[in-house]
C-alpha atoms as a PDB file:
ATOM      1  CA  ALA A   1      -0.005  -0.001   0.007  1.00  0.00           C
ATOM      2  CA  LEU A   2       2.877   2.381   0.805  1.00  0.00           C
ATOM      3  CA  VAL A   3       4.452   1.815  -2.619  1.00  0.00           C
ATOM      4  CA  CYS A   4       1.164   2.422  -4.415  1.00  0.00           C
ATOM      5  CA  ARG A   5       0.613   5.620  -2.458  1.00  0.00           C
ATOM      6  CA  ALA A   6       4.107   6.867  -3.223  1.00  0.00           C
ATOM      7  CA  ALA A   7       3.611   6.046  -6.930  1.00  0.00           C
ATOM      8  CA  LYS A   8       0.309   7.958  -6.909  1.00  0.00           C
ATOM      9  CA  ILE A   9       1.964  11.069  -5.330  1.00  0.00           C
ATOM     10  CA  ALA A  10       4.891  10.921  -7.786  1.00  0.00           C
ATOM     11  CA  ALA A  11       2.515  10.589 -10.759  1.00  0.00           C
ATOM     12  CA  ILE A  12       0.468  13.579  -9.584  1.00  0.00           C
ATOM     13  CA  LEU A  13       3.630  15.665  -9.240  1.00  0.00           C
ATOM     14  CA  CYS A  14       4.732  14.654 -12.758  1.00  0.00           C
ATOM     15  CA  ALA A  15       1.318  15.106 -14.386  1.00  0.00           C
ATOM     16  CA  GLY A  16       0.990  18.801 -13.604  1.00  0.00           C
ATOM     17  CA  PRO A  17       3.948  20.080 -15.619  1.00  0.00           C
ATOM     18  CA  ILE A  18       3.203  17.555 -18.397  1.00  0.00           C
ATOM     19  CA  LEU A  19      -0.350  18.871 -18.724  1.00  0.00           C
ATOM     20  CA  CYS A  20       0.838  22.526 -18.729  1.00  0.00           C
ATOM     21  CA  CYS A  21       3.688  22.120 -21.187  1.00  0.00           C
ATOM     22  CA  SER A  22       2.373  19.629 -23.769  1.00  0.00           C
ATOM     23  CA  GLU A  23      -0.498  19.044 -26.192  1.00  0.00           C
ATOM     24  CA  PRO A  24      -2.772  15.974 -26.338  1.00  0.00           C
ATOM     25  CA  GLY A  25      -1.183  13.144 -28.319  1.00  0.00           C
ATOM     26  CA  GLU A  26       2.332  14.425 -27.687  1.00  0.00           C
ATOM     27  CA  THR A  27       5.135  12.232 -26.335  1.00  0.00           C
ATOM     28  CA  VAL A  28       6.703  13.932 -23.397  1.00  0.00           C
ATOM     29  CA  PRO A  29      10.285  12.984 -22.318  1.00  0.00           C
ATOM     30  CA  THR A  30      10.565  12.875 -18.513  1.00  0.00           C
ATOM     31  CA  ALA A  31      13.849  12.654 -16.667  1.00  0.00           C
ATOM     32  CA  VAL A  32      13.876  10.171 -13.816  1.00  0.00           C
ATOM     33  CA  GLU A  33      16.655   9.722 -11.280  1.00  0.00           C
ATOM     34  CA  GLY A  34      16.862   7.568  -8.202  1.00  0.00           C
ATOM     35  CA  SER A  35      16.564   4.121  -6.802  1.00  0.00           C
ATOM     36  CA  GLN A  36      12.897   4.538  -5.829  1.00  0.00           C
ATOM     37  CA  TYR A  37      11.847   4.437  -9.468  1.00  0.00           C
ATOM     38  CA  TRP A  38      14.474   2.036 -10.771  1.00  0.00           C
ATOM     39  CA  ARG A  39      14.803  -0.477  -7.950  1.00  0.00           C
ATOM     40  CA  LEU A  40      11.755  -0.416  -5.634  1.00  0.00           C
ATOM     41  CA  THR A  41       9.642  -3.462  -6.333  1.00  0.00           C
ATOM     42  CA  GLY A  42       6.308  -2.539  -7.841  1.00  0.00           C
ATOM     43  CA  PHE A  43       6.888   1.252  -7.897  1.00  0.00           C
ATOM     44  CA  ARG A  44       7.555   1.618 -11.608  1.00  0.00           C
ATOM     45  CA  ASP A  45       4.462  -0.286 -12.703  1.00  0.00           C
ATOM     46  CA  ALA A  46       2.236   1.511 -10.175  1.00  0.00           C
ATOM     47  CA  PHE A  47       3.693   4.878 -11.244  1.00  0.00           C
ATOM     48  CA  HIS A  48       2.869   4.220 -14.890  1.00  0.00           C
ATOM     49  CA  ARG A  49      -0.628   3.026 -14.074  1.00  0.00           C
ATOM     50  CA  GLU A  50      -1.327   6.192 -12.094  1.00  0.00           C
ATOM     51  CA  LEU A  51       0.197   8.432 -14.726  1.00  0.00           C
ATOM     52  CA  GLU A  52      -1.864   6.753 -17.450  1.00  0.00           C
ATOM     53  CA  ALA A  53      -4.995   7.303 -15.386  1.00  0.00           C
ATOM     54  CA  LEU A  54      -4.192  10.989 -14.906  1.00  0.00           C
ATOM     55  CA  ILE A  55      -3.096  11.864 -18.452  1.00  0.00           C
ATOM     56  CA  PRO A  56      -4.450   9.177 -20.839  1.00  0.00           C
ATOM     57  CA  ASP A  57      -4.045  11.469 -23.866  1.00  0.00           C
ATOM     58  CA  ARG A  58      -0.251  11.883 -23.574  1.00  0.00           C
ATOM     59  CA  ALA A  59       2.596   9.441 -23.820  1.00  0.00           C
ATOM     60  CA  VAL A  60       5.520   9.666 -21.407  1.00  0.00           C
ATOM     61  CA  LYS A  61       9.031   8.599 -22.419  1.00  0.00           C
ATOM     62  CA  ILE A  62      11.191   7.974 -19.333  1.00  0.00           C
ATOM     63  CA  VAL A  63      14.781   9.165 -19.685  1.00  0.00           C
ATOM     64  CA  LYS A  64      17.282   7.866 -17.076  1.00  0.00           C
ATOM     65  CA  THR A  65      19.483  10.647 -15.719  1.00  0.00           C
ATOM     66  CA  GLU A  66      22.478  10.722 -13.387  1.00  0.00           C
ATOM     67  CA  GLU A  67      23.046  13.403 -10.747  1.00  0.00           C
ATOM     68  CA  SER A  68      20.439  15.788 -12.246  1.00  0.00           C
ATOM     69  CA  CYS A  69      19.410  16.935  -8.766  1.00  0.00           C
ATOM     70  CA  LEU A  70      22.965  17.767  -7.877  1.00  0.00           C
ATOM     71  CA  ARG A  71      23.451  19.745 -11.113  1.00  0.00           C
ATOM     72  CA  GLY A  72      20.185  21.606 -10.589  1.00  0.00           C
ATOM     73  CA  ALA A  73      21.173  22.506  -7.063  1.00  0.00           C
ATOM     74  CA  ALA A  74      24.534  23.825  -8.285  1.00  0.00           C
ATOM     75  CA  LEU A  75      22.862  25.962 -10.956  1.00  0.00           C
ATOM     76  CA  ALA A  76      20.437  27.337  -8.384  1.00  0.00           C
ATOM     77  CA  ALA A  77      23.279  28.210  -6.035  1.00  0.00           C
ATOM     78  CA  PHE A  78      25.072  30.290  -8.639  1.00  0.00           C
ATOM     79  CA  ALA A  79      21.945  31.855 -10.190  1.00  0.00           C
ATOM     80  CA  GLU A  80      21.171  35.515  -9.758  1.00  0.00           C
ATOM     81  CA  PRO A  81      18.535  36.154  -7.067  1.00  0.00           C
ATOM     82  CA  MET A  82      15.088  37.059  -8.362  1.00  0.00           C
ATOM     83  CA  GLU A  83      13.826  40.549  -7.520  1.00  0.00           C
ATOM     84  CA  ALA A  84      10.790  40.797  -5.374  1.00  0.00           C
ATOM     85  CA  LEU A  85       7.598  41.537  -7.237  1.00  0.00           C
END
């Protein structure tokens, strides 16, 4: 039950940007990093089931990445601060 719940939460978090940034029928590449997706028994299948239920009109292509969180954190650390609105 815990794996299914985690997969549902992950699918919801992925579905939002996919819906905002793509058109129906489009294949959307999605970068995935981490052992939860790649090694946790049952997670990957549950994630894809949940994602298909949330966005049935879009295809998702999973792209395996390495250290993308670390690179994103480094870019954020050196980025210029945003001005207050």
